[in-house]
C-alpha cells in the first residue's frame, strides 16, 4: 500500500531529523490520502514545520500538504 510506505518514510525522516525529506513525504501523503489514523499527519506536519521551518523548502512542502488535505476534506 503506497500510503503505508509513505507513512513509514515520513516517520523515518522525522527520526533522522531530515526535515526536508519529512516535509516532502508529508506532502505526498496529503496528495495520495489514506494515511493511517495513528500517524497523526497534521500534528507531524506541525512538528516538522516547527523544527525545520527555517528552511523555506520545508515551509513550502508543509503548506502545500495542508492545502491538499483541506481540499480533500471538502
N, C-alpha and C. Protein backbone atom coordinates (compact mmCIF):
# COMPACT_ATOMS: atom_id res chain seq x y z
N UNK A 1 0.85 -1.18 0.00
CA UNK A 1 0.00 0.00 0.00
C UNK A 1 0.89 1.24 0.00
N UNK A 2 0.66 2.13 -0.93
CA UNK A 2 1.51 3.31 -1.08
C UNK A 2 1.43 4.23 0.14
N UNK A 3 0.25 4.41 0.70
CA UNK A 3 0.12 5.30 1.85
C UNK A 3 0.90 4.78 3.05
N UNK A 4 0.91 3.48 3.24
CA UNK A 4 1.67 2.89 4.35
C UNK A 4 3.17 3.10 4.13
N UNK A 5 3.63 2.89 2.91
CA UNK A 5 5.05 3.11 2.60
C UNK A 5 5.44 4.57 2.82
N UNK A 6 4.60 5.48 2.37
CA UNK A 6 4.87 6.91 2.58
C UNK A 6 4.87 7.26 4.06
N UNK A 7 3.97 6.64 4.82
CA UNK A 7 3.91 6.88 6.26
C UNK A 7 5.20 6.44 6.93
N UNK A 8 5.69 5.28 6.54
CA UNK A 8 6.96 4.80 7.10
C UNK A 8 8.10 5.76 6.75
N UNK A 9 8.11 6.22 5.51
CA UNK A 9 9.14 7.17 5.10
C UNK A 9 9.06 8.47 5.88
N UNK A 10 7.85 8.93 6.14
CA UNK A 10 7.65 10.15 6.92
C UNK A 10 8.22 9.98 8.33
N UNK A 11 7.86 8.88 8.97
CA UNK A 11 8.32 8.63 10.34
C UNK A 11 9.84 8.48 10.38
N UNK A 12 10.40 7.75 9.44
CA UNK A 12 11.86 7.56 9.41
C UNK A 12 12.58 8.88 9.20
N UNK A 13 12.05 9.73 8.34
CA UNK A 13 12.68 11.03 8.10
C UNK A 13 12.63 11.90 9.35
N UNK A 14 11.52 11.85 10.07
CA UNK A 14 11.41 12.62 11.32
C UNK A 14 12.43 12.10 12.32
N UNK A 15 12.55 10.79 12.44
CA UNK A 15 13.52 10.22 13.38
C UNK A 15 14.95 10.60 13.03
N UNK A 16 15.24 10.72 11.74
CA UNK A 16 16.57 11.13 11.29
C UNK A 16 16.77 12.64 11.39
N UNK A 17 15.69 13.34 11.67
CA UNK A 17 15.68 14.81 11.70
C UNK A 17 16.00 15.40 10.34
N UNK A 18 15.54 14.70 9.33
CA UNK A 18 15.67 15.18 7.95
C UNK A 18 14.36 15.88 7.61
N UNK A 19 14.29 17.14 7.98
CA UNK A 19 13.03 17.88 7.90
C UNK A 19 12.54 18.07 6.47
N UNK A 20 13.45 18.26 5.54
CA UNK A 20 13.04 18.42 4.14
C UNK A 20 12.43 17.13 3.61
N UNK A 21 13.05 16.01 3.91
CA UNK A 21 12.52 14.71 3.47
C UNK A 21 11.17 14.42 4.13
N UNK A 22 11.06 14.73 5.41
CA UNK A 22 9.80 14.52 6.13
C UNK A 22 8.69 15.39 5.55
N UNK A 23 9.01 16.64 5.25
CA UNK A 23 8.00 17.54 4.68
C UNK A 23 7.56 17.06 3.31
N UNK A 24 8.49 16.58 2.51
CA UNK A 24 8.15 16.05 1.19
C UNK A 24 7.28 14.82 1.28
N UNK A 25 7.62 13.92 2.21
CA UNK A 25 6.80 12.72 2.40
C UNK A 25 5.41 13.09 2.90
N UNK A 26 5.35 14.08 3.78
CA UNK A 26 4.05 14.55 4.27
C UNK A 26 3.21 15.14 3.15
N UNK A 27 3.86 15.84 2.26
CA UNK A 27 3.14 16.40 1.10
C UNK A 27 2.58 15.29 0.22
N UNK A 28 3.38 14.26 -0.04
CA UNK A 28 2.89 13.12 -0.82
C UNK A 28 1.75 12.41 -0.11
N UNK A 29 1.86 12.26 1.20
CA UNK A 29 0.77 11.62 1.95
C UNK A 29 -0.52 12.41 1.82
N UNK A 30 -0.42 13.72 1.90
CA UNK A 30 -1.61 14.56 1.76
C UNK A 30 -2.20 14.43 0.37
N UNK A 31 -1.34 14.29 -0.63
CA UNK A 31 -1.82 14.18 -2.01
C UNK A 31 -2.48 12.83 -2.27
N UNK A 32 -1.87 11.76 -1.76
CA UNK A 32 -2.36 10.40 -2.01
C UNK A 32 -3.56 10.08 -1.12
N UNK A 33 -3.49 10.52 0.14
CA UNK A 33 -4.55 10.21 1.09
C UNK A 33 -4.44 8.79 1.60
N UNK A 34 -5.28 8.44 2.53
CA UNK A 34 -5.32 7.08 3.05
C UNK A 34 -4.27 6.78 4.10
N UNK A 35 -3.68 7.83 4.69
CA UNK A 35 -2.68 7.57 5.72
C UNK A 35 -3.34 6.99 6.95
N UNK A 36 -2.63 6.15 7.71
CA UNK A 36 -3.21 5.57 8.92
C UNK A 36 -3.58 6.66 9.92
N UNK A 37 -4.69 6.49 10.58
CA UNK A 37 -5.14 7.48 11.56
C UNK A 37 -4.15 7.60 12.72
N UNK A 38 -3.44 6.52 13.00
CA UNK A 38 -2.47 6.53 14.10
C UNK A 38 -1.23 7.35 13.78
N UNK A 39 -1.04 7.73 12.52
CA UNK A 39 0.14 8.50 12.14
C UNK A 39 0.09 9.91 12.71
N UNK A 40 -1.07 10.53 12.72
CA UNK A 40 -1.18 11.91 13.20
C UNK A 40 -0.47 12.87 12.27
N UNK A 41 -0.81 12.82 11.00
CA UNK A 41 -0.11 13.61 9.99
C UNK A 41 -0.17 15.11 10.28
N UNK A 42 -1.32 15.60 10.71
CA UNK A 42 -1.45 17.04 10.95
C UNK A 42 -0.48 17.50 12.04
N UNK A 43 -0.43 16.77 13.13
CA UNK A 43 0.50 17.12 14.21
C UNK A 43 1.94 16.89 13.79
N UNK A 44 2.16 15.85 13.00
CA UNK A 44 3.50 15.60 12.49
C UNK A 44 3.99 16.73 11.62
N UNK A 45 3.11 17.24 10.77
CA UNK A 45 3.49 18.38 9.93
C UNK A 45 3.76 19.63 10.77
N UNK A 46 2.98 19.81 11.84
CA UNK A 46 3.24 20.93 12.75
C UNK A 46 4.65 20.83 13.33
N UNK A 47 5.02 19.62 13.76
CA UNK A 47 6.33 19.39 14.35
C UNK A 47 7.44 19.62 13.33
N UNK A 48 7.26 19.10 12.13
CA UNK A 48 8.26 19.28 11.08
C UNK A 48 8.43 20.76 10.77
N UNK A 49 7.33 21.49 10.69
CA UNK A 49 7.42 22.92 10.40
C UNK A 49 8.12 23.67 11.54
N UNK A 50 7.83 23.28 12.76
CA UNK A 50 8.46 23.94 13.90
C UNK A 50 9.97 23.68 13.91
N UNK A 51 10.37 22.46 13.65
CA UNK A 51 11.79 22.10 13.73
C UNK A 51 12.57 22.52 12.49
N UNK A 52 11.95 22.44 11.32
CA UNK A 52 12.67 22.72 10.09
C UNK A 52 12.19 23.93 9.34
N UNK A 53 11.34 24.73 9.98
CA UNK A 53 10.73 25.87 9.32
C UNK A 53 11.68 26.97 8.90
N UNK A 54 12.93 26.91 9.37
CA UNK A 54 13.92 27.91 8.93
C UNK A 54 14.29 27.71 7.47
N UNK A 55 14.02 26.51 6.94
CA UNK A 55 14.27 26.21 5.53
C UNK A 55 12.99 26.50 4.74
N UNK A 56 13.02 27.43 3.80
CA UNK A 56 11.80 27.76 3.06
C UNK A 56 11.23 26.59 2.27
N UNK A 57 12.06 25.63 1.90
CA UNK A 57 11.57 24.46 1.17
C UNK A 57 10.68 23.60 2.07
N UNK A 58 11.06 23.49 3.33
CA UNK A 58 10.24 22.75 4.30
C UNK A 58 8.90 23.44 4.46
N UNK A 59 8.92 24.74 4.63
CA UNK A 59 7.68 25.51 4.78
C UNK A 59 6.79 25.34 3.56
N UNK A 60 7.38 25.37 2.38
CA UNK A 60 6.61 25.20 1.15
C UNK A 60 5.91 23.84 1.11
N UNK A 61 6.64 22.77 1.41
CA UNK A 61 6.06 21.42 1.40
C UNK A 61 4.94 21.30 2.45
N UNK A 62 5.18 21.82 3.64
CA UNK A 62 4.18 21.71 4.71
C UNK A 62 2.91 22.47 4.34
N UNK A 63 3.06 23.67 3.83
CA UNK A 63 1.87 24.46 3.46
C UNK A 63 1.11 23.81 2.30
N UNK A 64 1.85 23.27 1.35
CA UNK A 64 1.19 22.57 0.24
C UNK A 64 0.44 21.35 0.75
N UNK A 65 1.03 20.63 1.68
CA UNK A 65 0.37 19.45 2.26
C UNK A 65 -0.92 19.85 2.96
N UNK A 66 -0.88 20.94 3.69
CA UNK A 66 -2.09 21.39 4.40
C UNK A 66 -3.18 21.81 3.42
N UNK A 67 -2.80 22.50 2.37
CA UNK A 67 -3.79 22.91 1.36
C UNK A 67 -4.42 21.69 0.69
N UNK A 68 -3.62 20.69 0.38
CA UNK A 68 -4.16 19.47 -0.24
C UNK A 68 -5.08 18.73 0.71
N UNK A 69 -4.71 18.67 1.98
CA UNK A 69 -5.55 18.00 2.97
C UNK A 69 -6.88 18.73 3.13
N UNK A 70 -6.84 20.05 3.13
CA UNK A 70 -8.08 20.84 3.23
C UNK A 70 -8.96 20.62 2.01
N UNK A 71 -8.36 20.60 0.84
CA UNK A 71 -9.13 20.40 -0.39
C UNK A 71 -9.76 19.01 -0.41
N UNK A 72 -9.04 18.02 0.10
CA UNK A 72 -9.56 16.65 0.13
C UNK A 72 -10.71 16.52 1.12
N UNK A 73 -10.68 17.32 2.19
CA UNK A 73 -11.72 17.26 3.21
C UNK A 73 -13.04 17.86 2.73
N UNK A 74 -12.99 18.70 1.72
CA UNK A 74 -14.21 19.35 1.22
C UNK A 74 -15.07 18.43 0.45
